[in-house]
Amino acid sequence: MLTLTCPHCGVQADETELSPGGEAHLKRFGPGSSDEEFEGYLFRRANPKGAHYERWRHTYGCGKWFLAARDTVTMQVFGTYPAWLAEPSDEMRGLVSGQRAGSGVEPGTPTEPEAAQ
């Protein structure tokens, strides 16, 4: 079972107390954007195999949104941080890249062998 620590209240919550919010750090498109941009935002997500940044809400706790970095294959959690940050901290990026040393792949990009080359 997936367990994440809420950075707001400090509670270690399992996934039954949390609500997933999808991919983190997306550029959101709304009114005034082109149809192609809005379609891409709605339907074209990376869905990577490996390191990934996600949005979560501590639904049955403090109710606040936060972001998590985790590996979608091994379920390893690298850490969590507040949702108001526009990008992951250097420390969080270091944790993620430290686990992926030598792969040459950034989180959020495809990790299939043919895509990584």
N, C-alpha and C. Protein backbone atom coordinates (compact mmCIF):
# COMPACT_ATOMS: atom_id res chain seq x y z
N MET A 1 0.84 -1.18 0.00
CA MET A 1 0.00 0.00 0.00
C MET A 1 0.88 1.24 0.00
N LEU A 2 0.47 2.23 -0.74
CA LEU A 2 1.19 3.49 -0.84
C LEU A 2 0.96 4.32 0.42
N THR A 3 2.05 4.82 1.02
CA THR A 3 1.98 5.68 2.19
C THR A 3 2.74 6.96 1.89
N LEU A 4 2.07 8.10 2.10
CA LEU A 4 2.68 9.41 1.86
C LEU A 4 2.58 10.24 3.12
N THR A 5 3.58 11.08 3.37
CA THR A 5 3.56 11.99 4.52
C THR A 5 3.06 13.35 4.06
N CYS A 6 2.00 13.82 4.69
CA CYS A 6 1.46 15.14 4.37
C CYS A 6 2.43 16.20 4.89
N PRO A 7 2.93 17.08 4.01
CA PRO A 7 3.88 18.10 4.47
C PRO A 7 3.23 19.20 5.30
N HIS A 8 1.91 19.26 5.33
CA HIS A 8 1.20 20.29 6.08
C HIS A 8 0.97 19.89 7.53
N CYS A 9 0.44 18.67 7.73
CA CYS A 9 0.12 18.25 9.10
C CYS A 9 1.09 17.20 9.63
N GLY A 10 1.96 16.65 8.77
CA GLY A 10 2.97 15.70 9.20
C GLY A 10 2.48 14.28 9.39
N VAL A 11 1.23 14.00 9.07
CA VAL A 11 0.66 12.66 9.25
C VAL A 11 1.10 11.75 8.11
N GLN A 12 1.49 10.53 8.46
CA GLN A 12 1.76 9.51 7.43
C GLN A 12 0.44 8.86 7.10
N ALA A 13 -0.05 9.10 5.89
CA ALA A 13 -1.36 8.62 5.49
C ALA A 13 -1.23 7.57 4.41
N ASP A 14 -2.03 6.50 4.53
CA ASP A 14 -2.02 5.53 3.44
C ASP A 14 -2.99 6.01 2.36
N GLU A 15 -2.96 5.35 1.22
CA GLU A 15 -3.70 5.85 0.06
C GLU A 15 -5.21 5.88 0.26
N THR A 16 -5.74 5.17 1.26
CA THR A 16 -7.18 5.22 1.52
C THR A 16 -7.60 6.55 2.14
N GLU A 17 -6.65 7.32 2.69
CA GLU A 17 -6.95 8.63 3.28
C GLU A 17 -6.68 9.76 2.30
N LEU A 18 -6.19 9.43 1.12
CA LEU A 18 -5.76 10.43 0.15
C LEU A 18 -6.58 10.34 -1.13
N SER A 19 -6.62 11.44 -1.86
CA SER A 19 -7.25 11.46 -3.18
C SER A 19 -6.21 11.88 -4.21
N PRO A 20 -6.03 11.08 -5.27
CA PRO A 20 -5.04 11.46 -6.29
C PRO A 20 -5.55 12.62 -7.13
N GLY A 21 -4.63 13.47 -7.55
CA GLY A 21 -5.00 14.64 -8.35
C GLY A 21 -4.31 14.69 -9.69
N GLY A 22 -3.63 13.61 -10.06
CA GLY A 22 -2.99 13.56 -11.37
C GLY A 22 -1.58 14.11 -11.37
N GLU A 23 -1.09 14.33 -12.56
CA GLU A 23 0.28 14.78 -12.78
C GLU A 23 0.50 16.19 -12.22
N ALA A 24 1.62 16.42 -11.59
CA ALA A 24 1.95 17.73 -11.02
C ALA A 24 2.73 18.57 -12.02
N HIS A 25 2.76 19.85 -11.77
CA HIS A 25 3.55 20.83 -12.53
C HIS A 25 3.17 20.89 -14.01
N LEU A 26 1.88 20.74 -14.29
CA LEU A 26 1.40 20.89 -15.67
C LEU A 26 1.14 22.35 -15.96
N LYS A 27 1.37 22.76 -17.19
CA LYS A 27 0.94 24.09 -17.61
C LYS A 27 -0.53 23.96 -17.96
N ARG A 28 -1.35 24.68 -17.23
CA ARG A 28 -2.79 24.58 -17.44
C ARG A 28 -3.25 25.59 -18.48
N PHE A 29 -4.13 25.14 -19.37
CA PHE A 29 -4.67 25.98 -20.42
C PHE A 29 -6.16 26.16 -20.17
N GLY A 30 -6.66 27.34 -20.40
CA GLY A 30 -8.07 27.63 -20.19
C GLY A 30 -8.60 28.53 -21.28
N PRO A 31 -9.53 29.42 -20.93
CA PRO A 31 -10.09 30.34 -21.93
C PRO A 31 -8.99 31.15 -22.61
N GLY A 32 -9.13 31.31 -23.90
CA GLY A 32 -8.13 32.06 -24.66
C GLY A 32 -7.04 31.19 -25.26
N SER A 33 -6.98 29.93 -24.88
CA SER A 33 -5.96 29.05 -25.46
C SER A 33 -6.51 28.42 -26.74
N SER A 34 -5.60 27.90 -27.54
CA SER A 34 -6.04 27.26 -28.78
C SER A 34 -6.67 25.90 -28.46
N ASP A 35 -7.44 25.39 -29.40
CA ASP A 35 -8.06 24.08 -29.22
C ASP A 35 -7.00 23.00 -29.03
N GLU A 36 -5.89 23.10 -29.76
CA GLU A 36 -4.82 22.10 -29.66
C GLU A 36 -4.17 22.12 -28.27
N GLU A 37 -3.94 23.33 -27.74
CA GLU A 37 -3.34 23.44 -26.41
C GLU A 37 -4.26 22.86 -25.34
N PHE A 38 -5.55 23.19 -25.43
CA PHE A 38 -6.49 22.71 -24.43
C PHE A 38 -6.68 21.20 -24.54
N GLU A 39 -6.73 20.69 -25.77
CA GLU A 39 -6.84 19.24 -25.98
C GLU A 39 -5.62 18.52 -25.40
N GLY A 40 -4.44 19.08 -25.63
CA GLY A 40 -3.23 18.49 -25.08
C GLY A 40 -3.23 18.46 -23.56
N TYR A 41 -3.71 19.55 -22.95
CA TYR A 41 -3.80 19.62 -21.49
C TYR A 41 -4.77 18.57 -20.95
N LEU A 42 -5.92 18.40 -21.62
CA LEU A 42 -6.92 17.46 -21.13
C LEU A 42 -6.57 16.00 -21.36
N PHE A 43 -6.02 15.69 -22.53
CA PHE A 43 -5.93 14.29 -22.93
C PHE A 43 -4.52 13.74 -23.12
N ARG A 44 -3.52 14.56 -23.22
CA ARG A 44 -2.17 14.05 -23.51
C ARG A 44 -1.28 14.24 -22.30
N ARG A 45 -1.16 13.19 -21.52
CA ARG A 45 -0.31 13.22 -20.32
C ARG A 45 0.85 12.25 -20.52
N ALA A 46 1.92 12.49 -19.78
CA ALA A 46 3.13 11.69 -19.95
C ALA A 46 2.93 10.25 -19.49
N ASN A 47 2.28 10.03 -18.34
CA ASN A 47 2.08 8.70 -17.77
C ASN A 47 3.36 7.86 -17.82
N PRO A 48 4.43 8.36 -17.21
CA PRO A 48 5.73 7.69 -17.33
C PRO A 48 5.83 6.41 -16.51
N LYS A 49 6.77 5.63 -16.89
CA LYS A 49 7.15 4.44 -16.13
C LYS A 49 8.44 4.85 -15.42
N GLY A 50 8.37 5.01 -14.10
CA GLY A 50 9.54 5.47 -13.35
C GLY A 50 9.21 6.69 -12.52
N ALA A 51 10.19 7.57 -12.35
CA ALA A 51 10.03 8.76 -11.50
C ALA A 51 8.96 9.68 -12.06
N HIS A 52 8.12 10.18 -11.14
CA HIS A 52 6.95 10.95 -11.54
C HIS A 52 6.56 11.89 -10.40
N TYR A 53 6.11 13.09 -10.74
CA TYR A 53 5.61 14.05 -9.75
C TYR A 53 4.09 14.07 -9.83
N GLU A 54 3.42 13.93 -8.68
CA GLU A 54 1.96 13.81 -8.65
C GLU A 54 1.35 14.76 -7.63
N ARG A 55 0.06 15.07 -7.84
CA ARG A 55 -0.73 15.86 -6.89
C ARG A 55 -1.56 14.90 -6.04
N TRP A 56 -1.64 15.20 -4.75
CA TRP A 56 -2.45 14.41 -3.82
C TRP A 56 -3.16 15.34 -2.86
N ARG A 57 -4.32 14.93 -2.39
CA ARG A 57 -5.06 15.69 -1.38
C ARG A 57 -5.24 14.81 -0.15
N HIS A 58 -4.94 15.36 1.01
CA HIS A 58 -5.12 14.64 2.27
C HIS A 58 -6.60 14.74 2.67
N THR A 59 -7.43 14.03 1.95
CA THR A 59 -8.88 14.14 2.03
C THR A 59 -9.43 13.87 3.43
N TYR A 60 -9.00 12.79 4.05
CA TYR A 60 -9.53 12.41 5.36
C TYR A 60 -8.60 12.84 6.48
N GLY A 61 -7.89 13.93 6.26
CA GLY A 61 -7.00 14.51 7.26
C GLY A 61 -7.19 16.01 7.25
N CYS A 62 -6.14 16.74 6.95
CA CYS A 62 -6.20 18.21 6.97
C CYS A 62 -6.91 18.78 5.74
N GLY A 63 -7.10 17.98 4.69
CA GLY A 63 -7.81 18.43 3.50
C GLY A 63 -6.98 19.23 2.51
N LYS A 64 -5.70 19.39 2.77
CA LYS A 64 -4.86 20.22 1.91
C LYS A 64 -4.21 19.41 0.78
N TRP A 65 -3.92 20.12 -0.31
CA TRP A 65 -3.23 19.53 -1.45
C TRP A 65 -1.73 19.56 -1.23
N PHE A 66 -1.04 18.53 -1.72
CA PHE A 66 0.42 18.50 -1.69
C PHE A 66 0.90 17.72 -2.90
N LEU A 67 2.20 17.76 -3.13
CA LEU A 67 2.81 17.07 -4.27
C LEU A 67 3.75 15.99 -3.76
N ALA A 68 3.86 14.93 -4.53
CA ALA A 68 4.73 13.82 -4.16
C ALA A 68 5.58 13.42 -5.35
N ALA A 69 6.79 13.01 -5.07
CA ALA A 69 7.68 12.44 -6.09
C ALA A 69 7.81 10.96 -5.76
N ARG A 70 7.49 10.12 -6.73
CA ARG A 70 7.59 8.68 -6.49
C ARG A 70 7.89 7.95 -7.79
N ASP A 71 8.28 6.71 -7.64
CA ASP A 71 8.55 5.84 -8.78
C ASP A 71 7.30 5.01 -9.04
N THR A 72 6.76 5.09 -10.24
CA THR A 72 5.52 4.39 -10.56
C THR A 72 5.71 2.88 -10.74
N VAL A 73 6.95 2.44 -10.86
CA VAL A 73 7.21 1.00 -11.02
C VAL A 73 7.42 0.34 -9.66
N THR A 74 8.29 0.92 -8.85
CA THR A 74 8.64 0.31 -7.56
C THR A 74 7.79 0.83 -6.40
N MET A 75 7.00 1.90 -6.63
CA MET A 75 6.19 2.56 -5.60
C MET A 75 7.04 3.25 -4.54
N GLN A 76 8.34 3.41 -4.79
CA GLN A 76 9.22 4.11 -3.86
C GLN A 76 8.83 5.58 -3.84
N VAL A 77 8.66 6.13 -2.63
CA VAL A 77 8.33 7.54 -2.48
C VAL A 77 9.62 8.29 -2.17
N PHE A 78 9.95 9.29 -2.99
CA PHE A 78 11.15 10.09 -2.78
C PHE A 78 10.90 11.20 -1.77
N GLY A 79 9.66 11.68 -1.70
CA GLY A 79 9.31 12.72 -0.74
C GLY A 79 8.05 13.45 -1.15
N THR A 80 7.58 14.31 -0.24
CA THR A 80 6.41 15.14 -0.50
C THR A 80 6.75 16.59 -0.19
N TYR A 81 5.99 17.51 -0.79
CA TYR A 81 6.23 18.94 -0.57
C TYR A 81 4.95 19.70 -0.85
N PRO A 82 4.83 20.94 -0.33
CA PRO A 82 3.59 21.71 -0.48
C PRO A 82 3.25 22.00 -1.94
N ALA A 83 1.96 22.06 -2.23
CA ALA A 83 1.48 22.26 -3.60
C ALA A 83 1.71 23.66 -4.12
N TRP A 84 1.98 24.62 -3.25
CA TRP A 84 2.16 25.99 -3.74
C TRP A 84 3.50 26.20 -4.44
N LEU A 85 4.40 25.24 -4.35
CA LEU A 85 5.69 25.37 -5.04
C LEU A 85 5.49 25.15 -6.54
N ALA A 86 5.99 26.08 -7.34
CA ALA A 86 5.82 26.00 -8.80
C ALA A 86 6.63 24.86 -9.41
N GLU A 87 7.74 24.50 -8.77
CA GLU A 87 8.59 23.41 -9.24
C GLU A 87 9.15 22.67 -8.03
N PRO A 88 9.59 21.43 -8.21
CA PRO A 88 10.21 20.71 -7.09
C PRO A 88 11.47 21.43 -6.63
N SER A 89 11.77 21.33 -5.36
CA SER A 89 12.99 21.94 -4.83
C SER A 89 14.21 21.22 -5.38
N ASP A 90 15.36 21.88 -5.29
CA ASP A 90 16.60 21.25 -5.73
C ASP A 90 16.87 19.98 -4.92
N GLU A 91 16.52 20.02 -3.64
CA GLU A 91 16.71 18.84 -2.79
C GLU A 91 15.87 17.66 -3.29
N MET A 92 14.60 17.93 -3.66
CA MET A 92 13.73 16.88 -4.16
C MET A 92 14.24 16.35 -5.50
N ARG A 93 14.65 17.25 -6.38
CA ARG A 93 15.22 16.81 -7.67
C ARG A 93 16.46 15.95 -7.45
N GLY A 94 17.26 16.32 -6.44
CA GLY A 94 18.46 15.54 -6.12
C GLY A 94 18.11 14.14 -5.65
N LEU A 95 17.07 14.02 -4.83
CA LEU A 95 16.64 12.69 -4.37
C LEU A 95 16.19 11.83 -5.54
N VAL A 96 15.41 12.43 -6.43
CA VAL A 96 14.90 11.68 -7.58
C VAL A 96 16.04 11.32 -8.53
N SER A 97 16.89 12.28 -8.85
CA SER A 97 17.98 12.00 -9.80
C SER A 97 19.02 11.08 -9.18
N GLY A 98 19.19 11.11 -7.87
CA GLY A 98 20.12 10.20 -7.20
C GLY A 98 19.71 8.75 -7.37
N GLN A 99 18.42 8.51 -7.40
CA GLN A 99 17.90 7.15 -7.60
C GLN A 99 17.99 6.74 -9.06
N ARG A 100 18.10 7.73 -9.93
CA ARG A 100 18.10 7.46 -11.36
C ARG A 100 19.45 7.78 -11.98
N ALA A 101 20.48 7.79 -11.17
CA ALA A 101 21.82 8.17 -11.65
C ALA A 101 22.21 7.36 -12.87
N GLY A 102 22.67 8.07 -13.88
CA GLY A 102 23.15 7.41 -15.09
C GLY A 102 22.07 7.10 -16.10
N SER A 103 20.79 7.31 -15.74
CA SER A 103 19.74 6.98 -16.69
C SER A 103 19.60 8.04 -17.77
N GLY A 104 19.94 9.30 -17.44
CA GLY A 104 19.81 10.38 -18.40
C GLY A 104 18.38 10.77 -18.67
N VAL A 105 17.44 10.30 -17.84
CA VAL A 105 16.03 10.58 -18.05
C VAL A 105 15.51 11.44 -16.92
N GLU A 106 14.85 12.54 -17.26
CA GLU A 106 14.24 13.42 -16.27
C GLU A 106 12.86 12.87 -15.90
N PRO A 107 12.40 13.12 -14.67
CA PRO A 107 11.05 12.71 -14.30
C PRO A 107 10.03 13.33 -15.24
N GLY A 108 9.00 12.54 -15.57
CA GLY A 108 7.95 13.03 -16.45
C GLY A 108 8.20 12.77 -17.92
N THR A 109 9.31 12.10 -18.25
CA THR A 109 9.57 11.76 -19.65
C THR A 109 9.47 10.26 -19.81
N PRO A 110 9.15 9.79 -21.01
CA PRO A 110 9.03 8.35 -21.22
C PRO A 110 10.34 7.63 -20.88
N THR A 111 10.22 6.44 -20.29
CA THR A 111 11.42 5.71 -19.90
C THR A 111 11.54 4.37 -20.61
N GLU A 112 10.74 4.15 -21.64
CA GLU A 112 10.91 2.94 -22.42
C GLU A 112 12.27 3.01 -23.11
N PRO A 113 12.96 1.88 -23.30
CA PRO A 113 14.31 1.91 -23.87
C PRO A 113 14.42 2.69 -25.17
N GLU A 114 13.45 2.54 -26.08
CA GLU A 114 13.56 3.24 -27.35
C GLU A 114 13.33 4.74 -27.18
N ALA A 115 12.56 5.17 -26.18
CA ALA A 115 12.31 6.59 -25.97
C ALA A 115 13.46 7.27 -25.24
N ALA A 116 14.21 6.52 -24.44
CA ALA A 116 15.28 7.10 -23.63
C ALA A 116 16.57 7.28 -24.43
N GLN A 117 16.65 6.68 -25.59
CA GLN A 117 17.89 6.77 -26.37
C GLN A 117 17.92 7.96 -27.27
